Amino acid sequence: MKSFPLKILGMDIQRNVAVLRLKNDQLVIHSTAPFSEQDIQDITSLGNPTWLVDALLRHSTFAREGVKAFPDARYLAPPGFDQEAEVTTENLLQPPAEWSGEIEVLSIDGAPDFGEIVMLHVASKTLVVCDLIINFPHESSWIQKQFLKLGSVGGKSHPGMTKPFQNAIQDRAAFIQSIRKLLEWDFDRIIIGHGDRIESNGKRLLAKVFMDAGYPVQ
């Protein structure tokens, strides 16, 4: 995973990019970013960059940069992403046959403005999410602390749920059902779109985030 700068109201909330490798050395690049030539070389050294993924409607900021960096990669995203990003993508909810048994995908229903799709790398038991949660346990400044406190449910951002995501939930029952399905997956580690990754006890921590936010997911 590599973090790239992404500023909102002057605060760097990071754009984390994860590279998932299949058994045949094909790579899934999760999230686009302002890739440098060195970034492209580093990723290519890991295998064949076959797929590019943005798994959230609102993650279109660097879509064109991603296509420019990896022009031969198939670009997968949620339905409707094309209109946001003005690029051509395939439906991430209909994953390639090559992913079978290695990468799982799940739509987080109930918040259509976000259209989040989470992914599981089966071999490493790693869950990859975008804005579903954030994790900033080491806020570096007073401004950052206040920004995260105001923007997080219950003022908790380590890990926690953001108020914008919570406010976007239009169908509470559908959202809860999606999280319950997610918690059936076998994962321990979580890579998050914004903030520090969670190296262990990910499933327990994720469940606690939503229970604390008032969603009975267990």
C-alpha atoms as a PDB file:
ATOM      1  CA  MET A   1       0.000   0.000   0.000  1.00  0.00           C
ATOM      2  CA  LYS A   2       1.155   3.543  -0.767  1.00  0.00           C
ATOM      3  CA  SER A   3      -0.386   6.807   0.398  1.00  0.00           C
ATOM      4  CA  PHE A   4      -0.701   9.818  -1.897  1.00  0.00           C
ATOM      5  CA  PRO A   5      -1.583  13.369  -0.790  1.00  0.00           C
ATOM      6  CA  LEU A   6      -5.264  14.313  -1.042  1.00  0.00           C
ATOM      7  CA  LYS A   7      -6.271  17.573   0.595  1.00  0.00           C
ATOM      8  CA  ILE A   8      -9.739  18.645   1.691  1.00  0.00           C
ATOM      9  CA  LEU A   9     -10.072  22.087   3.289  1.00  0.00           C
ATOM     10  CA  GLY A  10      -6.308  22.173   3.636  1.00  0.00           C
ATOM     11  CA  MET A  11      -6.048  18.839   5.449  1.00  0.00           C
ATOM     12  CA  ASP A  12      -4.355  15.815   3.932  1.00  0.00           C
ATOM     13  CA  ILE A  13      -6.760  12.876   4.232  1.00  0.00           C
ATOM     14  CA  GLN A  14      -4.572  10.654   2.013  1.00  0.00           C
ATOM     15  CA  ARG A  15      -5.458   8.500  -0.969  1.00  0.00           C
ATOM     16  CA  ASN A  16      -4.277   4.968  -0.284  1.00  0.00           C
ATOM     17  CA  VAL A  17      -3.534   2.662  -3.206  1.00  0.00           C
ATOM     18  CA  ALA A  18      -3.384  -1.113  -2.722  1.00  0.00           C
ATOM     19  CA  VAL A  19      -1.999  -3.645  -5.181  1.00  0.00           C
ATOM     20  CA  LEU A  20      -3.573  -7.113  -5.055  1.00  0.00           C
ATOM     21  CA  ARG A  21      -1.715  -9.925  -6.795  1.00  0.00           C
ATOM     22  CA  LEU A  22      -3.347 -13.034  -8.201  1.00  0.00           C
ATOM     23  CA  LYS A  23      -1.658 -16.421  -8.356  1.00  0.00           C
ATOM     24  CA  ASN A  24      -0.870 -15.874 -12.044  1.00  0.00           C
ATOM     25  CA  ASP A  25       0.964 -12.605 -11.171  1.00  0.00           C
ATOM     26  CA  GLN A  26      -1.768 -10.418 -12.626  1.00  0.00           C
ATOM     27  CA  LEU A  27      -2.247  -7.268 -10.542  1.00  0.00           C
ATOM     28  CA  VAL A  28      -5.354  -5.427  -9.406  1.00  0.00           C
ATOM     29  CA  ILE A  29      -4.527  -1.789  -8.657  1.00  0.00           C
ATOM     30  CA  HIS A  30      -7.124  -0.605  -6.157  1.00  0.00           C
ATOM     31  CA  SER A  31      -7.666   3.168  -6.386  1.00  0.00           C
ATOM     32  CA  THR A  32      -6.199   5.665  -8.795  1.00  0.00           C
ATOM     33  CA  ALA A  33      -3.718   8.373  -7.820  1.00  0.00           C
ATOM     34  CA  PRO A  34      -1.268  10.856  -9.376  1.00  0.00           C
ATOM     35  CA  PHE A  35       1.180   8.074 -10.219  1.00  0.00           C
ATOM     36  CA  SER A  36       4.769   9.084 -10.956  1.00  0.00           C
ATOM     37  CA  GLU A  37       7.047   7.211 -13.347  1.00  0.00           C
ATOM     38  CA  GLN A  38       8.691   5.625 -10.313  1.00  0.00           C
ATOM     39  CA  ASP A  39       5.299   4.514  -8.967  1.00  0.00           C
ATOM     40  CA  ILE A  40       4.511   2.894 -12.312  1.00  0.00           C
ATOM     41  CA  GLN A  41       7.855   1.086 -12.329  1.00  0.00           C
ATOM     42  CA  ASP A  42       7.420  -0.079  -8.729  1.00  0.00           C
ATOM     43  CA  ILE A  43       3.956  -1.477  -9.423  1.00  0.00           C
ATOM     44  CA  THR A  44       4.984  -3.121 -12.694  1.00  0.00           C
ATOM     45  CA  SER A  45       7.881  -4.827 -10.908  1.00  0.00           C
ATOM     46  CA  LEU A  46       5.317  -6.750  -8.831  1.00  0.00           C
ATOM     47  CA  GLY A  47       3.571  -8.334 -11.806  1.00  0.00           C
ATOM     48  CA  ASN A  48       1.306  -7.551 -14.729  1.00  0.00           C
ATOM     49  CA  PRO A  49      -0.981  -4.536 -14.021  1.00  0.00           C
ATOM     50  CA  THR A  50      -4.104  -6.046 -15.564  1.00  0.00           C
ATOM     51  CA  TRP A  51      -6.926  -4.257 -13.736  1.00  0.00           C
ATOM     52  CA  LEU A  52      -7.468  -0.769 -12.394  1.00  0.00           C
ATOM     53  CA  VAL A  53     -10.194  -0.311  -9.784  1.00  0.00           C
ATOM     54  CA  ASP A  54     -12.009   2.617  -8.237  1.00  0.00           C
ATOM     55  CA  ALA A  55     -14.628   1.215  -5.893  1.00  0.00           C
ATOM     56  CA  LEU A  56     -16.532   4.362  -4.937  1.00  0.00           C
ATOM     57  CA  LEU A  57     -18.516   6.832  -7.036  1.00  0.00           C
ATOM     58  CA  ARG A  58     -16.761   9.741  -5.330  1.00  0.00           C
ATOM     59  CA  HIS A  59     -13.258   8.444  -6.036  1.00  0.00           C
ATOM     60  CA  SER A  60     -13.039   9.874  -9.535  1.00  0.00           C
ATOM     61  CA  THR A  61     -10.463  12.566  -8.698  1.00  0.00           C
ATOM     62  CA  PHE A  62      -7.508  10.759 -10.268  1.00  0.00           C
ATOM     63  CA  ALA A  63      -9.340   8.596 -12.805  1.00  0.00           C
ATOM     64  CA  ARG A  64      -7.654  10.143 -15.823  1.00  0.00           C
ATOM     65  CA  GLU A  65      -4.231   9.897 -14.189  1.00  0.00           C
ATOM     66  CA  GLY A  66      -4.867   6.204 -13.578  1.00  0.00           C
ATOM     67  CA  VAL A  67      -5.804   5.556 -17.194  1.00  0.00           C
ATOM     68  CA  LYS A  68      -2.753   7.470 -18.391  1.00  0.00           C
ATOM     69  CA  ALA A  69      -0.434   5.507 -16.089  1.00  0.00           C
ATOM     70  CA  PHE A  70      -1.868   2.086 -16.982  1.00  0.00           C
ATOM     71  CA  PRO A  71      -3.492   2.450 -20.425  1.00  0.00           C
ATOM     72  CA  ASP A  72      -3.636  -1.304 -21.068  1.00  0.00           C
ATOM     73  CA  ALA A  73      -5.380  -2.161 -17.795  1.00  0.00           C
ATOM     74  CA  ARG A  74      -9.114  -2.866 -17.737  1.00  0.00           C
ATOM     75  CA  TYR A  75     -10.809  -0.244 -15.566  1.00  0.00           C
ATOM     76  CA  LEU A  76     -13.526  -1.469 -13.183  1.00  0.00           C
ATOM     77  CA  ALA A  77     -15.785   0.767 -11.086  1.00  0.00           C
ATOM     78  CA  PRO A  78     -19.332   1.022  -9.680  1.00  0.00           C
ATOM     79  CA  PRO A  79     -22.205   1.591 -12.116  1.00  0.00           C
ATOM     80  CA  GLY A  80     -22.489   5.314 -12.796  1.00  0.00           C
ATOM     81  CA  PHE A  81     -18.801   6.049 -12.256  1.00  0.00           C
ATOM     82  CA  ASP A  82     -18.311   6.801 -15.952  1.00  0.00           C
ATOM     83  CA  GLN A  83     -20.475   9.906 -15.703  1.00  0.00           C
ATOM     84  CA  GLU A  84     -18.579  11.154 -12.655  1.00  0.00           C
ATOM     85  CA  ALA A  85     -15.107  10.551 -14.063  1.00  0.00           C
ATOM     86  CA  GLU A  86     -15.705  10.955 -17.801  1.00  0.00           C
ATOM     87  CA  VAL A  87     -13.783   7.766 -18.501  1.00  0.00           C
ATOM     88  CA  THR A  88     -14.949   4.371 -19.731  1.00  0.00           C
ATOM     89  CA  THR A  89     -15.169   1.620 -17.116  1.00  0.00           C
ATOM     90  CA  GLU A  90     -16.561  -1.879 -16.677  1.00  0.00           C
ATOM     91  CA  ASN A  91     -18.974  -2.895 -13.923  1.00  0.00           C
ATOM     92  CA  LEU A  92     -17.023  -3.890 -10.812  1.00  0.00           C
ATOM     93  CA  LEU A  93     -20.065  -5.822  -9.565  1.00  0.00           C
ATOM     94  CA  GLN A  94     -19.491  -8.242 -12.450  1.00  0.00           C
ATOM     95  CA  PRO A  95     -15.859  -9.122 -11.670  1.00  0.00           C
ATOM     96  CA  PRO A  96     -13.584 -10.901 -14.156  1.00  0.00           C
ATOM     97  CA  ALA A  97     -13.624 -14.688 -14.199  1.00  0.00           C
ATOM     98  CA  GLU A  98      -9.916 -14.626 -13.354  1.00  0.00           C
ATOM     99  CA  TRP A  99     -10.772 -13.314  -9.894  1.00  0.00           C
ATOM    100  CA  SER A 100     -12.807 -16.389  -8.990  1.00  0.00           C
ATOM    101  CA  GLY A 101     -11.695 -17.821  -5.661  1.00  0.00           C
ATOM    102  CA  GLU A 102      -9.102 -15.073  -5.186  1.00  0.00           C
ATOM    103  CA  ILE A 103     -10.959 -11.764  -4.963  1.00  0.00           C
ATOM    104  CA  GLU A 104     -14.513 -11.239  -3.745  1.00  0.00           C
ATOM    105  CA  VAL A 105     -16.607  -8.086  -4.208  1.00  0.00           C
ATOM    106  CA  LEU A 106     -19.653  -6.834  -2.303  1.00  0.00           C
ATOM    107  CA  SER A 107     -21.857  -3.782  -2.791  1.00  0.00           C
ATOM    108  CA  ILE A 108     -22.542  -1.757   0.345  1.00  0.00           C
ATOM    109  CA  ASP A 109     -26.204  -1.018  -0.238  1.00  0.00           C
ATOM    110  CA  GLY A 110     -28.305   1.734   1.277  1.00  0.00           C
ATOM    111  CA  ALA A 111     -26.021   4.678   0.449  1.00  0.00           C
ATOM    112  CA  PRO A 112     -26.400   5.131  -3.326  1.00  0.00           C
ATOM    113  CA  ASP A 113     -24.601   8.483  -3.460  1.00  0.00           C
ATOM    114  CA  PHE A 114     -21.408   6.692  -2.424  1.00  0.00           C
ATOM    115  CA  GLY A 115     -21.960   3.415  -4.277  1.00  0.00           C
ATOM    116  CA  GLU A 116     -19.181   1.757  -2.295  1.00  0.00           C
ATOM    117  CA  ILE A 117     -17.994  -1.712  -3.272  1.00  0.00           C
ATOM    118  CA  VAL A 118     -15.687  -3.530  -0.866  1.00  0.00           C
ATOM    119  CA  MET A 119     -13.199  -6.192  -1.903  1.00  0.00           C
ATOM    120  CA  LEU A 120     -11.593  -9.183  -0.204  1.00  0.00           C
ATOM    121  CA  HIS A 121      -8.202 -10.595  -1.156  1.00  0.00           C
ATOM    122  CA  VAL A 122      -8.833 -14.161  -0.052  1.00  0.00           C
ATOM    123  CA  ALA A 123      -5.254 -15.447   0.241  1.00  0.00           C
ATOM    124  CA  SER A 124      -4.064 -12.665   2.539  1.00  0.00           C
ATOM    125  CA  LYS A 125      -7.392 -12.284   4.379  1.00  0.00           C
ATOM    126  CA  THR A 126      -7.296  -8.580   3.537  1.00  0.00           C
ATOM    127  CA  LEU A 127     -10.405  -6.422   3.229  1.00  0.00           C
ATOM    128  CA  VAL A 128     -10.088  -3.290   1.074  1.00  0.00           C
ATOM    129  CA  VAL A 129     -12.539  -0.425   1.613  1.00  0.00           C
ATOM    130  CA  CYS A 130     -12.804   3.180   0.418  1.00  0.00           C
ATOM    131  CA  ASP A 131     -14.900   5.539   2.582  1.00  0.00           C
ATOM    132  CA  LEU A 132     -16.788   2.932   4.604  1.00  0.00           C
ATOM    133  CA  ILE A 133     -14.562   3.768   7.579  1.00  0.00           C
ATOM    134  CA  ILE A 134     -11.542   5.978   8.277  1.00  0.00           C
ATOM    135  CA  ASN A 135      -8.602   5.385  10.605  1.00  0.00           C
ATOM    136  CA  PHE A 136      -6.509   8.306  11.826  1.00  0.00           C
ATOM    137  CA  PRO A 137      -5.116   7.238  15.227  1.00  0.00           C
ATOM    138  CA  HIS A 138      -2.178   9.655  15.035  1.00  0.00           C
ATOM    139  CA  GLU A 139      -3.657  13.062  14.199  1.00  0.00           C
ATOM    140  CA  SER A 140      -0.690  15.358  13.673  1.00  0.00           C
ATOM    141  CA  SER A 141      -2.168  18.767  14.449  1.00  0.00           C
ATOM    142  CA  TRP A 142      -4.906  20.488  16.417  1.00  0.00           C
ATOM    143  CA  ILE A 143      -6.664  21.438  13.163  1.00  0.00           C
ATOM    144  CA  GLN A 144      -6.621  17.829  11.988  1.00  0.00           C
ATOM    145  CA  LYS A 145      -7.962  16.625  15.323  1.00  0.00           C
ATOM    146  CA  GLN A 146     -10.842  19.106  15.226  1.00  0.00           C
ATOM    147  CA  PHE A 147     -11.623  18.362  11.570  1.00  0.00           C
ATOM    148  CA  LEU A 148     -11.798  14.634  12.243  1.00  0.00           C
ATOM    149  CA  LYS A 149     -13.738  15.079  15.473  1.00  0.00           C
ATOM    150  CA  LEU A 150     -16.402  17.156  13.748  1.00  0.00           C
ATOM    151  CA  GLY A 151     -16.560  14.863  10.711  1.00  0.00           C
ATOM    152  CA  SER A 152     -16.636  11.517  12.507  1.00  0.00           C
ATOM    153  CA  VAL A 153     -19.594   9.781  14.120  1.00  0.00           C
ATOM    154  CA  GLY A 154     -19.169  10.189  17.867  1.00  0.00           C
ATOM    155  CA  GLY A 155     -15.950  12.114  17.227  1.00  0.00           C
ATOM    156  CA  LYS A 156     -14.141   8.812  16.715  1.00  0.00           C
ATOM    157  CA  SER A 157     -11.757   8.464  13.797  1.00  0.00           C
ATOM    158  CA  HIS A 158      -9.490   5.586  14.850  1.00  0.00           C
ATOM    159  CA  PRO A 159     -11.200   3.661  13.285  1.00  0.00           C
ATOM    160  CA  GLY A 160     -14.581   5.267  12.848  1.00  0.00           C
ATOM    161  CA  MET A 161     -17.418   6.106  10.513  1.00  0.00           C
ATOM    162  CA  THR A 162     -17.703   9.542   8.903  1.00  0.00           C
ATOM    163  CA  LYS A 163     -20.771  11.721   9.237  1.00  0.00           C
ATOM    164  CA  PRO A 164     -20.983  12.254   5.452  1.00  0.00           C
ATOM    165  CA  PHE A 165     -21.237   8.498   4.906  1.00  0.00           C
ATOM    166  CA  GLN A 166     -23.775   8.086   7.703  1.00  0.00           C
ATOM    167  CA  ASN A 167     -25.840  10.985   6.357  1.00  0.00           C
ATOM    168  CA  ALA A 168     -25.836   9.376   2.903  1.00  0.00           C
ATOM    169  CA  ILE A 169     -27.525   6.206   4.162  1.00  0.00           C
ATOM    170  CA  GLN A 170     -31.061   6.264   2.770  1.00  0.00           C
ATOM    171  CA  ASP A 171     -31.984   2.643   3.460  1.00  0.00           C
ATOM    172  CA  ARG A 172     -30.840   1.664   6.934  1.00  0.00           C
ATOM    173  CA  ALA A 173     -32.012  -1.952   6.656  1.00  0.00           C
ATOM    174  CA  ALA A 174     -30.175  -2.495   3.359  1.00  0.00           C
ATOM    175  CA  PHE A 175     -27.002  -0.994   4.813  1.00  0.00           C
ATOM    176  CA  ILE A 176     -27.119  -3.211   7.897  1.00  0.00           C
ATOM    177  CA  GLN A 177     -27.730  -6.295   5.759  1.00  0.00           C
ATOM    178  CA  SER A 178     -24.708  -5.459   3.603  1.00  0.00           C
ATOM    179  CA  ILE A 179     -22.454  -5.084   6.638  1.00  0.00           C
ATOM    180  CA  ARG A 180     -23.698  -8.392   8.023  1.00  0.00           C
ATOM    181  CA  LYS A 181     -22.782 -10.074   4.720  1.00  0.00           C
ATOM    182  CA  LEU A 182     -19.391  -8.390   4.863  1.00  0.00           C
ATOM    183  CA  LEU A 183     -18.758  -9.716   8.354  1.00  0.00           C
ATOM    184  CA  GLU A 184     -19.295 -13.255   7.056  1.00  0.00           C
ATOM    185  CA  TRP A 185     -16.078 -12.922   5.057  1.00  0.00           C
ATOM    186  CA  ASP A 186     -12.833 -14.307   6.465  1.00  0.00           C
ATOM    187  CA  PHE A 187     -10.575 -11.287   6.947  1.00  0.00           C
ATOM    188  CA  ASP A 188      -8.219  -9.966   9.585  1.00  0.00           C
ATOM    189  CA  ARG A 189      -6.434  -7.041   7.912  1.00  0.00           C
ATOM    190  CA  ILE A 190      -8.125  -3.930   6.483  1.00  0.00           C
ATOM    191  CA  ILE A 191      -6.738  -1.465   3.954  1.00  0.00           C
ATOM    192  CA  ILE A 192      -8.662   1.791   4.156  1.00  0.00           C
ATOM    193  CA  GLY A 193      -9.027   4.497   1.518  1.00  0.00           C
ATOM    194  CA  HIS A 194      -8.115   7.253   3.961  1.00  0.00           C
ATOM    195  CA  GLY A 195      -5.910   6.705   7.004  1.00  0.00           C
ATOM    196  CA  ASP A 196      -3.802   3.940   8.491  1.00  0.00           C
ATOM    197  CA  ARG A 197      -4.380   0.312   7.601  1.00  0.00           C
ATOM    198  CA  ILE A 198      -5.523  -2.092  10.315  1.00  0.00           C
ATOM    199  CA  GLU A 199      -3.051  -4.954  10.577  1.00  0.00           C
ATOM    200  CA  SER A 200      -4.993  -7.343  12.824  1.00  0.00           C
ATOM    201  CA  ASN A 201      -8.371  -7.922  14.512  1.00  0.00           C
ATOM    202  CA  GLY A 202      -9.982  -6.132  11.589  1.00  0.00           C
ATOM    203  CA  LYS A 203     -13.289  -7.970  11.678  1.00  0.00           C
ATOM    204  CA  ARG A 204     -13.816  -7.296  15.374  1.00  0.00           C
ATOM    205  CA  LEU A 205     -12.866  -3.628  15.019  1.00  0.00           C
ATOM    206  CA  LEU A 206     -15.092  -3.148  11.972  1.00  0.00           C
ATOM    207  CA  ALA A 207     -18.089  -4.636  13.738  1.00  0.00           C
ATOM    208  CA  LYS A 208     -17.450  -2.380  16.724  1.00  0.00           C
ATOM    209  CA  VAL A 209     -17.357   0.723  14.515  1.00  0.00           C
ATOM    210  CA  PHE A 210     -20.885   0.086  13.285  1.00  0.00           C
ATOM    211  CA  MET A 211     -22.254  -1.128  16.600  1.00  0.00           C
ATOM    212  CA  ASP A 212     -20.927   2.056  18.236  1.00  0.00           C
ATOM    213  CA  ALA A 213     -22.541   4.122  15.460  1.00  0.00           C
ATOM    214  CA  GLY A 214     -25.928   2.561  16.208  1.00  0.00           C
ATOM    215  CA  TYR A 215     -26.143  -0.166  13.559  1.00  0.00           C
ATOM    216  CA  PRO A 216     -26.947  -3.642  14.978  1.00  0.00           C
ATOM    217  CA  VAL A 217     -24.727  -5.627  12.630  1.00  0.00           C
ATOM    218  CA  GLN A 218     -24.200  -8.492  15.080  1.00  0.00           C
END
